Amino acid sequence: MTLAPSIALNTGANRRLGRRASFWVAAAVAAIALWTSGAPTVTYPLYAAEWHLTQTVTTMIFAVYPVVLVAVLIIAGDLSDHIGRRAAMLLGLAASLVGTLLFAVAPEVGWLFAGRAFMGIGVGLSISPATAAMVEFSAPGQARRSSSVTTAATALGLVLATVVGGGLIQYAPFPTHLNFWVLSAVITVVFGAAWFLPRRVALERADRWRPRAPHIPRGLRMVFAVSALAVTAAYASGALMLSLGAEIGRDLVGSDNALVTGLALSLSAATIGLVALLARGLPARTDIVWGGIATTVAMGLLLLAADERSLLIFLVAAAVTGTGYSLLFLGGLTLISAKAPAHHRAGTLSAVYLVGYLLQGVVAISLGTIATAYGLGRALEVGAPLMAVLGLAALVLALVLAAFFKSAPRPSAGLDRRLDLVLVRAKSGRVAASRGELTRNEVADRDPATGLWPSDNAGVVVHLRIR
């Protein structure tokens, strides 16, 4: 038995986007988050050469972002559950814009640290609301698609960061600045679109927000552990490629063309998006298992590429890394999105992102320190096996969770119908419900793990009459 969300309808004079347009605007916000995250990647070697920075300093510039982002997720992870998805995304986009403008005008390295801090604030405020909004703006019966589109959108953001950045650095003037002016313009456009999102959506809580530590409901903790480990393994492998990928391509593989290096890194991101779309029908457990396998293989190929100084093997390693990232991230996101309580969805997603970004920052700083002290090759020799272990750990835990659900007794087994309640709220009595239709209410539509019907993409479709 499930209780469907209440439906709130905005009947004000201000024009707001419909469900489909809102879904794609939220996807654009997710893409912007990863574009912002990856925008400095291909400029790190230029900063190092221009300002004589060590690899420790360049990786610390990278790591400021996840460290600040983690702090934001701890303090304000559930902010959008209280003030609304739209408001939180607008705050996040504004902070990201400040960060990219600081990079665009940066005269020395201190500005980069400040810019990365604002980028961390921006992404921390916008990524969870965007992810939650995509679930809530999905058409009835298609909520699972939101995880695939989220993964593809974030991959598109990384592709734009590396390809646009690499092209502008290699062939346009102002190589350390123009990239960020372009991104600033795009963020401004997306901010304008997000302004017209609905002010509130179903199941956003109306109580006052206050800072609080992330909280995971007791019955969700095992699922959370699997999801967080899968996302963490994906982010850790991404940190290896984003923080050191450009320097691996230049110093170990021998590519000195910024566009070629950017294309190599974007191949990983493009693979993330393609695999996410192809794998959207797979169960979350299957995604995580194959993601762990792909990540292990990718790390072996990356070590081989450095040893053989082969650009071809480096490209293959980038593609396989993208495959592993996509499957791990998609599986983890699908798993937690399906199980998280709708009124606490952003807070739960923020906790998953928190674990992933925290380890991403640790990995980036640690590998940068090792690279400075012992060389880039040694950092790769330490980092690649660690990424493989994380991928395999996610694989094992996913199989354990599946076995647990299979053997656990399910009180819901005797249920033969679902119960839904729809509340229609409107001002001035101009809206009335004319009829309702059940969707996905058959026994076969139950969640195989819990035996319950899903509450986010099934229930009652209500037809409203507006006078």
Protein backbone atom coordinates (compact mmCIF):
# COMPACT_ATOMS: atom_id res chain seq x y z
CA MET A 1 0.00 0.00 0.00
CA THR A 2 1.39 3.42 -0.88
CA LEU A 3 0.29 6.97 -0.50
CA ALA A 4 0.67 9.08 -3.63
CA PRO A 5 1.85 12.68 -3.43
CA SER A 6 -0.54 15.56 -3.22
CA ILE A 7 -0.78 17.71 -6.31
CA ALA A 8 -0.34 21.46 -6.11
CA LEU A 9 -1.26 23.58 -9.09
CA ASN A 10 0.09 27.09 -9.63
CA THR A 11 -2.76 29.22 -10.94
CA GLY A 12 -1.04 32.57 -10.52
CA ALA A 13 -0.58 35.10 -13.24
CA ASN A 14 3.16 34.49 -13.64
CA ARG A 15 3.99 32.17 -16.48
CA ARG A 16 5.71 28.97 -15.38
CA LEU A 17 7.22 26.10 -17.35
CA GLY A 18 5.29 22.87 -17.82
CA ARG A 19 6.37 19.46 -16.59
CA ARG A 20 8.40 18.48 -19.67
CA ALA A 21 10.19 21.82 -20.01
CA SER A 22 10.91 21.85 -16.27
CA PHE A 23 12.43 18.36 -16.54
CA TRP A 24 14.88 19.49 -19.20
CA VAL A 25 15.76 22.72 -17.42
CA ALA A 26 16.62 20.64 -14.33
CA ALA A 27 18.74 18.42 -16.60
CA ALA A 28 20.51 21.55 -17.88
CA VAL A 29 21.27 22.57 -14.30
CA ALA A 30 22.82 19.13 -13.69
CA ALA A 31 24.90 19.50 -16.85
CA ILE A 32 26.06 22.96 -15.78
CA ALA A 33 27.12 21.54 -12.41
CA LEU A 34 29.54 19.09 -14.04
CA TRP A 35 30.68 21.59 -16.67
CA THR A 36 31.53 23.96 -13.82
CA SER A 37 33.29 21.15 -11.98
CA GLY A 38 35.42 20.13 -14.97
CA ALA A 39 36.01 23.51 -16.63
CA PRO A 40 39.46 24.09 -15.10
CA THR A 41 40.71 20.57 -15.91
CA VAL A 42 42.49 21.28 -19.20
CA THR A 43 43.86 24.61 -17.91
CA TYR A 44 45.80 23.11 -15.00
CA PRO A 45 48.97 22.51 -17.08
CA LEU A 46 48.84 26.14 -18.29
CA TYR A 47 48.51 27.48 -14.76
CA ALA A 48 51.39 25.26 -13.67
CA ALA A 49 53.63 26.58 -16.48
CA GLU A 50 52.60 30.23 -16.17
CA TRP A 51 52.77 30.52 -12.39
CA HIS A 52 55.34 27.72 -11.72
CA LEU A 53 52.91 25.65 -9.66
CA THR A 54 53.73 22.21 -8.27
CA GLN A 55 51.43 19.24 -8.84
CA THR A 56 50.42 19.51 -5.18
CA VAL A 57 49.16 23.07 -5.74
CA THR A 58 47.27 22.21 -8.94
CA THR A 59 45.54 19.23 -7.32
CA MET A 60 44.75 21.37 -4.26
CA ILE A 61 43.02 23.85 -6.59
CA PHE A 62 40.97 20.92 -7.86
CA ALA A 63 40.34 19.62 -4.35
CA VAL A 64 39.07 22.92 -2.92
CA TYR A 65 35.93 22.30 -4.96
CA PRO A 66 34.90 18.94 -3.43
CA VAL A 67 35.94 20.04 0.07
CA VAL A 68 33.69 23.13 -0.06
CA LEU A 69 30.98 21.15 -1.79
CA VAL A 70 31.06 18.57 1.01
CA ALA A 71 30.66 21.33 3.60
CA VAL A 72 27.65 22.68 1.70
CA LEU A 73 26.08 19.22 1.49
CA ILE A 74 26.58 18.71 5.24
CA ILE A 75 25.06 22.06 6.17
CA ALA A 76 22.43 22.55 3.46
CA GLY A 77 21.93 19.18 1.80
CA ASP A 78 18.18 19.19 2.40
CA LEU A 79 17.68 22.91 1.72
CA SER A 80 15.54 22.36 -1.36
CA ASP A 81 13.22 20.03 0.58
CA HIS A 82 12.19 23.18 2.50
CA ILE A 83 12.61 26.24 0.25
CA GLY A 84 11.83 24.50 -3.04
CA ARG A 85 13.88 23.04 -5.90
CA ARG A 86 13.68 26.25 -7.94
CA ALA A 87 15.03 28.53 -5.21
CA ALA A 88 17.90 26.18 -4.36
CA MET A 89 18.91 25.77 -8.01
CA LEU A 90 18.88 29.54 -8.55
CA LEU A 91 21.14 30.05 -5.53
CA GLY A 92 23.47 27.35 -6.83
CA LEU A 93 23.65 28.80 -10.33
CA ALA A 94 24.39 32.26 -8.93
CA ALA A 95 27.30 30.93 -6.86
CA SER A 96 28.63 28.96 -9.85
CA LEU A 97 28.50 32.13 -11.93
CA VAL A 98 30.58 34.00 -9.35
CA GLY A 99 33.12 31.17 -9.38
CA THR A 100 33.52 31.10 -13.16
CA LEU A 101 33.83 34.88 -13.30
CA LEU A 102 36.66 34.71 -10.74
CA PHE A 103 38.46 32.24 -13.02
CA ALA A 104 37.75 34.45 -16.04
CA VAL A 105 39.56 37.44 -14.55
CA ALA A 106 42.08 35.63 -12.30
CA PRO A 107 45.43 37.51 -12.16
CA GLU A 108 47.10 35.04 -9.77
CA VAL A 109 46.59 31.66 -8.11
CA GLY A 110 44.67 32.93 -5.06
CA TRP A 111 41.75 33.86 -7.28
CA LEU A 112 41.57 30.27 -8.49
CA PHE A 113 41.16 28.97 -4.95
CA ALA A 114 38.34 31.48 -4.37
CA GLY A 115 36.74 30.57 -7.70
CA ARG A 116 36.83 26.85 -6.92
CA ALA A 117 35.26 27.54 -3.53
CA PHE A 118 32.33 29.35 -5.16
CA MET A 119 32.03 26.55 -7.71
CA GLY A 120 31.78 24.08 -4.82
CA ILE A 121 29.06 26.18 -3.20
CA GLY A 122 27.18 26.42 -6.49
CA VAL A 123 27.26 22.74 -7.32
CA GLY A 124 26.51 21.77 -3.72
CA LEU A 125 23.35 23.88 -3.76
CA SER A 126 22.16 22.84 -7.23
CA ILE A 127 23.08 19.20 -7.97
CA SER A 128 20.75 17.49 -5.44
CA PRO A 129 17.73 19.76 -6.19
CA ALA A 130 18.27 19.21 -9.93
CA THR A 131 18.43 15.44 -9.46
CA ALA A 132 15.33 15.42 -7.25
CA ALA A 133 13.45 17.76 -9.61
CA MET A 134 14.08 15.45 -12.56
CA VAL A 135 12.43 12.60 -10.65
CA GLU A 136 9.47 14.79 -9.72
CA PHE A 137 9.05 16.31 -13.19
CA SER A 138 9.16 12.90 -14.89
CA ALA A 139 6.00 11.79 -16.66
CA PRO A 140 3.92 9.14 -14.85
CA GLY A 141 5.60 5.75 -15.16
CA GLN A 142 8.94 7.22 -16.32
CA ALA A 143 10.65 8.26 -13.08
CA ARG A 144 13.39 5.66 -13.62
CA ARG A 145 14.37 7.50 -16.81
CA SER A 146 15.46 10.47 -14.70
CA SER A 147 18.53 8.59 -13.41
CA SER A 148 19.68 7.83 -16.95
CA VAL A 149 19.11 11.41 -18.10
CA THR A 150 20.86 12.77 -15.00
CA THR A 151 23.90 10.59 -15.74
CA ALA A 152 23.85 11.61 -19.42
CA ALA A 153 23.43 15.30 -18.53
CA THR A 154 26.40 15.25 -16.18
CA ALA A 155 28.41 13.47 -18.86
CA LEU A 156 27.46 16.17 -21.36
CA GLY A 157 28.70 18.76 -18.89
CA LEU A 158 32.08 17.02 -18.70
CA VAL A 159 32.25 16.74 -22.51
CA LEU A 160 31.60 20.46 -22.85
CA ALA A 161 34.18 21.22 -20.16
CA THR A 162 36.92 19.25 -21.88
CA VAL A 163 36.12 19.77 -25.58
CA VAL A 164 35.12 23.44 -25.41
CA GLY A 165 37.92 24.14 -22.95
CA GLY A 166 40.52 22.22 -24.96
CA GLY A 167 39.50 23.86 -28.24
CA LEU A 168 39.49 27.39 -26.83
CA ILE A 169 42.82 26.87 -25.07
CA GLN A 170 44.52 25.47 -28.15
CA TYR A 171 43.11 27.69 -30.90
CA ALA A 172 41.54 30.82 -29.35
CA PRO A 173 43.10 33.85 -27.65
CA PHE A 174 43.29 34.25 -23.88
CA PRO A 175 43.66 30.49 -23.21
CA THR A 176 43.28 30.72 -19.44
CA HIS A 177 40.31 33.12 -19.53
CA LEU A 178 38.03 32.75 -22.57
CA ASN A 179 36.86 29.26 -21.56
CA PHE A 180 35.37 30.70 -18.37
CA TRP A 181 33.73 33.67 -20.10
CA VAL A 182 31.89 31.20 -22.36
CA LEU A 183 30.78 29.12 -19.37
CA SER A 184 29.63 32.26 -17.55
CA ALA A 185 27.41 33.15 -20.50
CA VAL A 186 25.87 29.66 -20.55
CA ILE A 187 25.21 29.73 -16.80
CA THR A 188 23.44 33.07 -17.24
CA VAL A 189 21.15 31.58 -19.90
CA VAL A 190 20.30 28.54 -17.75
CA PHE A 191 19.67 30.81 -14.76
CA GLY A 192 17.14 32.70 -16.87
CA ALA A 193 15.38 29.46 -17.81
CA ALA A 194 15.39 28.18 -14.22
CA TRP A 195 13.70 31.41 -13.10
CA PHE A 196 10.49 30.17 -14.77
CA LEU A 197 10.42 26.78 -13.03
CA PRO A 198 7.38 26.13 -10.82
CA ARG A 199 7.92 27.74 -7.44
CA ARG A 200 7.06 24.57 -5.55
CA VAL A 201 6.46 20.98 -6.58
CA ALA A 202 4.75 18.05 -4.92
CA LEU A 203 6.10 16.90 -1.56
CA GLU A 204 8.41 19.82 -0.88
CA ARG A 205 8.11 20.46 2.82
CA ALA A 206 6.74 23.80 3.91
CA ASP A 207 8.38 23.84 7.37
CA ARG A 208 11.26 26.22 8.13
CA TRP A 209 14.72 25.03 7.15
CA ARG A 210 17.55 24.95 9.64
CA PRO A 211 21.08 23.54 9.26
CA ARG A 212 21.25 19.92 10.30
CA ALA A 213 23.53 16.94 9.81
CA PRO A 214 22.55 14.47 7.07
CA HIS A 215 20.15 11.83 8.31
CA ILE A 216 19.42 8.48 6.69
CA PRO A 217 16.20 6.68 7.76
CA ARG A 218 16.96 3.40 9.54
CA GLY A 219 15.26 1.20 6.96
CA LEU A 220 17.23 2.80 4.13
CA ARG A 221 20.76 2.47 5.50
CA MET A 222 21.82 -0.70 3.72
CA VAL A 223 20.51 0.63 0.41
CA PHE A 224 22.27 3.92 1.14
CA ALA A 225 25.56 2.13 1.79
CA VAL A 226 25.46 0.37 -1.58
CA SER A 227 24.39 3.50 -3.43
CA ALA A 228 26.99 5.71 -1.73
CA LEU A 229 29.80 3.22 -2.39
CA ALA A 230 28.85 2.91 -6.07
CA VAL A 231 28.72 6.70 -6.54
CA THR A 232 31.97 7.05 -4.56
CA ALA A 233 33.77 4.53 -6.77
CA ALA A 234 32.53 6.43 -9.84
CA TYR A 235 33.63 9.81 -8.46
CA ALA A 236 37.01 8.48 -7.33
CA SER A 237 37.84 7.18 -10.81
CA GLY A 238 36.59 10.49 -12.18
CA ALA A 239 38.90 12.35 -9.80
CA LEU A 240 41.86 10.38 -11.12
CA MET A 241 41.04 11.36 -14.70
CA LEU A 242 40.02 14.96 -14.00
CA SER A 243 42.80 15.94 -11.60
CA LEU A 244 45.69 14.10 -13.28
CA GLY A 245 44.31 13.05 -16.69
CA ALA A 246 45.67 16.06 -18.58
CA GLU A 247 49.12 15.62 -17.04
CA ILE A 248 49.05 11.84 -17.62
CA GLY A 249 48.30 12.51 -21.28
CA ARG A 250 51.08 15.09 -21.54
CA ASP A 251 53.86 13.62 -19.38
CA LEU A 252 53.30 9.86 -19.46
CA VAL A 253 51.61 9.31 -22.82
CA GLY A 254 53.36 12.16 -24.65
CA SER A 255 50.46 14.26 -26.01
CA ASP A 256 51.33 17.99 -25.96
CA ASN A 257 48.18 19.21 -27.77
CA ALA A 258 45.56 20.60 -25.38
CA LEU A 259 42.70 19.81 -27.76
CA VAL A 260 43.86 16.19 -28.20
CA THR A 261 44.13 15.80 -24.43
CA GLY A 262 40.72 17.42 -24.01
CA LEU A 263 39.22 15.07 -26.60
CA ALA A 264 40.76 12.10 -24.80
CA LEU A 265 39.20 13.20 -21.53
CA SER A 266 35.90 14.02 -23.26
CA LEU A 267 35.85 10.49 -24.70
CA SER A 268 35.44 9.25 -21.15
CA ALA A 269 32.60 11.72 -20.55
CA ALA A 270 30.92 10.91 -23.88
CA THR A 271 31.03 7.22 -23.01
CA ILE A 272 29.39 8.01 -19.66
CA GLY A 273 26.42 9.59 -21.44
CA LEU A 274 26.09 6.91 -24.12
CA VAL A 275 26.25 4.03 -21.65
CA ALA A 276 23.74 5.75 -19.36
CA LEU A 277 21.19 5.90 -22.18
CA LEU A 278 21.85 2.32 -23.31
CA ALA A 279 21.70 0.90 -19.77
CA ARG A 280 18.60 2.70 -18.55
CA GLY A 281 16.49 -0.47 -18.62
CA LEU A 282 18.93 -2.53 -16.53
CA PRO A 283 18.36 -3.19 -12.82
CA ALA A 284 20.48 -1.09 -10.48
CA ARG A 285 22.31 -4.19 -9.21
CA THR A 286 23.34 -5.16 -12.74
CA ASP A 287 24.62 -1.64 -13.39
CA ILE A 288 26.77 -1.69 -10.26
CA VAL A 289 28.19 -5.17 -10.89
CA TRP A 290 29.26 -4.42 -14.45
CA GLY A 291 30.42 -0.95 -13.41
CA GLY A 292 32.78 -2.48 -10.86
CA ILE A 293 34.17 -4.85 -13.48
CA ALA A 294 34.64 -2.08 -16.05
CA THR A 295 36.40 0.19 -13.54
CA THR A 296 38.86 -2.59 -12.65
CA VAL A 297 39.65 -3.21 -16.32
CA ALA A 298 39.99 0.53 -16.99
CA MET A 299 42.56 1.02 -14.26
CA GLY A 300 44.65 -1.81 -15.67
CA LEU A 301 44.51 -0.22 -19.13
CA LEU A 302 45.50 3.17 -17.71
CA LEU A 303 48.59 1.65 -16.11
CA LEU A 304 49.41 -0.10 -19.39
CA ALA A 305 49.01 3.14 -21.38
CA ALA A 306 51.50 4.92 -19.12
CA ASP A 307 53.94 2.01 -19.28
CA GLU A 308 53.76 1.75 -23.09
CA ARG A 309 53.40 5.53 -23.63
CA SER A 310 50.53 4.69 -25.98
CA LEU A 311 47.90 7.28 -26.89
CA LEU A 312 45.67 4.55 -28.34
CA ILE A 313 45.62 2.55 -25.10
CA PHE A 314 45.05 5.80 -23.17
CA LEU A 315 41.98 6.50 -25.32
CA VAL A 316 40.66 2.97 -24.73
CA ALA A 317 41.31 3.37 -20.99
CA ALA A 318 39.39 6.68 -21.02
CA ALA A 319 36.40 5.03 -22.73
CA VAL A 320 36.34 2.05 -20.36
CA THR A 321 36.73 4.40 -17.38
CA GLY A 322 33.67 6.26 -18.64
CA THR A 323 31.77 2.98 -18.94
CA GLY A 324 32.57 2.02 -15.36
CA TYR A 325 31.74 5.49 -14.07
CA SER A 326 28.42 5.54 -15.90
CA LEU A 327 27.25 2.15 -14.69
CA LEU A 328 28.34 2.72 -11.09
CA PHE A 329 26.81 6.21 -10.92
CA LEU A 330 23.62 5.17 -12.72
CA GLY A 331 23.17 2.09 -10.54
CA GLY A 332 23.78 3.99 -7.31
CA LEU A 333 21.52 6.88 -8.29
CA THR A 334 18.71 4.61 -9.51
CA LEU A 335 18.84 2.55 -6.32
CA ILE A 336 18.64 5.47 -3.89
CA SER A 337 16.13 7.48 -5.97
CA ALA A 338 13.71 4.55 -5.98
CA LYS A 339 13.93 3.97 -2.23
CA ALA A 340 14.29 7.48 -0.76
CA PRO A 341 11.17 9.02 0.85
CA ALA A 342 9.82 11.67 -1.50
CA HIS A 343 9.64 14.36 1.21
CA HIS A 344 13.31 13.70 2.09
CA ARG A 345 14.60 12.98 -1.41
CA ALA A 346 17.02 15.89 -1.79
CA GLY A 347 18.44 15.32 1.69
CA THR A 348 19.06 11.64 0.96
CA LEU A 349 20.60 12.35 -2.45
CA SER A 350 22.79 15.01 -0.84
CA ALA A 351 24.10 12.43 1.63
CA VAL A 352 25.07 10.15 -1.27
CA TYR A 353 26.79 13.00 -3.08
CA LEU A 354 28.45 13.99 0.20
CA VAL A 355 30.21 10.64 0.57
CA GLY A 356 31.23 10.61 -3.10
CA TYR A 357 32.62 14.14 -3.18
CA LEU A 358 34.38 13.74 0.17
CA LEU A 359 36.39 10.79 -1.09
CA GLN A 360 36.92 12.53 -4.43
CA GLY A 361 38.64 15.38 -2.60
CA VAL A 362 40.76 12.98 -0.54
CA VAL A 363 41.80 11.10 -3.67
CA ALA A 364 42.72 14.29 -5.56
CA ILE A 365 44.83 15.72 -2.73
CA SER A 366 46.51 12.40 -1.97
CA LEU A 367 47.43 11.64 -5.56
CA GLY A 368 48.68 15.18 -6.10
CA THR A 369 50.91 14.95 -3.04
CA ILE A 370 52.29 11.59 -4.17
CA ALA A 371 52.88 12.93 -7.70
CA THR A 372 54.84 15.90 -6.34
CA ALA A 373 56.95 13.81 -3.96
CA TYR A 374 57.53 10.67 -6.01
CA GLY A 375 56.45 11.42 -9.56
CA LEU A 376 53.29 11.11 -11.65
CA GLY A 377 53.98 7.47 -12.47
CA ARG A 378 54.03 6.48 -8.81
CA ALA A 379 50.79 8.38 -8.17
CA LEU A 380 49.16 6.39 -10.96
CA GLU A 381 50.55 3.13 -9.58
CA VAL A 382 48.95 3.91 -6.21
CA GLY A 383 45.70 5.45 -7.47
CA ALA A 384 44.68 2.96 -10.16
CA PRO A 385 44.64 -0.12 -7.87
CA LEU A 386 42.73 1.86 -5.24
CA MET A 387 40.03 2.76 -7.80
CA ALA A 388 39.80 -0.91 -8.81
CA VAL A 389 39.32 -1.96 -5.17
CA LEU A 390 36.50 0.56 -4.71
CA GLY A 391 34.76 -0.68 -7.86
CA LEU A 392 35.00 -4.30 -6.74
CA ALA A 393 33.79 -3.38 -3.24
CA ALA A 394 30.67 -1.78 -4.74
CA LEU A 395 30.14 -4.91 -6.83
CA VAL A 396 30.34 -7.20 -3.78
CA LEU A 397 28.07 -5.02 -1.65
CA ALA A 398 25.46 -4.85 -4.43
CA LEU A 399 25.37 -8.65 -4.60
CA VAL A 400 25.08 -8.87 -0.80
CA LEU A 401 22.15 -6.41 -0.85
CA ALA A 402 20.40 -8.40 -3.58
CA ALA A 403 20.82 -11.62 -1.58
CA PHE A 404 19.47 -9.89 1.53
CA PHE A 405 16.33 -8.67 -0.22
CA LYS A 406 15.80 -12.06 -1.79
CA SER A 407 15.92 -13.87 1.56
CA ALA A 408 14.21 -11.27 3.77
CA PRO A 409 10.53 -11.84 4.62
CA ARG A 410 8.17 -9.32 3.06
CA PRO A 411 5.01 -8.38 5.00
CA SER A 412 3.71 -6.83 1.80
CA ALA A 413 3.47 -10.20 0.06
CA GLY A 414 -0.24 -10.54 0.89
CA LEU A 415 -1.26 -7.20 -0.60
CA ASP A 416 -3.25 -7.42 -3.82
CA ARG A 417 -4.10 -3.78 -4.48
CA ARG A 418 -2.68 -0.32 -3.96
CA LEU A 419 -4.34 2.64 -2.30
CA ASP A 420 -3.74 6.18 -3.48
CA LEU A 421 -4.89 9.53 -2.19
CA VAL A 422 -4.82 12.64 -4.34
CA LEU A 423 -5.36 16.09 -2.88
CA VAL A 424 -6.07 18.97 -5.23
CA ARG A 425 -5.28 22.42 -3.87
CA ALA A 426 -6.24 25.53 -5.79
CA LYS A 427 -7.01 29.16 -5.13
CA SER A 428 -10.46 30.75 -5.67
CA GLY A 429 -12.16 27.44 -6.47
CA ARG A 430 -11.37 27.59 -10.18
CA VAL A 431 -9.98 24.05 -10.39
CA ALA A 432 -11.91 20.81 -10.01
CA ALA A 433 -10.98 17.17 -10.57
CA SER A 434 -13.06 15.69 -13.39
CA ARG A 435 -11.83 12.07 -13.33
CA GLY A 436 -8.91 9.92 -12.21
CA GLU A 437 -7.19 6.89 -13.71
CA LEU A 438 -5.00 4.25 -12.06
CA THR A 439 -1.57 3.65 -13.60
CA ARG A 440 0.86 0.81 -12.95
CA ASN A 441 -1.37 -0.76 -10.32
CA GLU A 442 -0.94 -4.41 -11.32
CA VAL A 443 0.82 -6.96 -9.12
CA ALA A 444 3.56 -7.21 -11.77
CA ASP A 445 4.34 -3.51 -11.28
CA ARG A 446 5.57 -4.01 -7.71
CA ASP A 447 9.15 -3.28 -6.75
CA PRO A 448 10.82 -6.73 -6.79
CA ALA A 449 12.95 -5.85 -3.75
CA THR A 450 10.22 -4.62 -1.37
CA GLY A 451 7.02 -6.02 -2.83
CA LEU A 452 5.48 -2.53 -2.74
CA TRP A 453 4.17 -0.41 -5.56
CA PRO A 454 6.35 2.59 -6.41
CA SER A 455 5.00 5.88 -5.14
CA ASP A 456 6.81 8.25 -7.49
CA ASN A 457 5.79 6.98 -10.90
CA ALA A 458 2.52 5.13 -10.32
CA GLY A 459 -0.86 5.71 -8.76
CA VAL A 460 -3.58 8.06 -9.91
CA VAL A 461 -3.49 10.33 -12.94
CA VAL A 462 -5.94 13.15 -12.26
CA HIS A 463 -7.59 15.17 -15.02
CA LEU A 464 -8.27 18.72 -13.85
CA ARG A 465 -10.90 21.10 -15.17
CA ILE A 466 -9.99 24.78 -14.98
CA ARG A 467 -12.90 27.21 -15.20
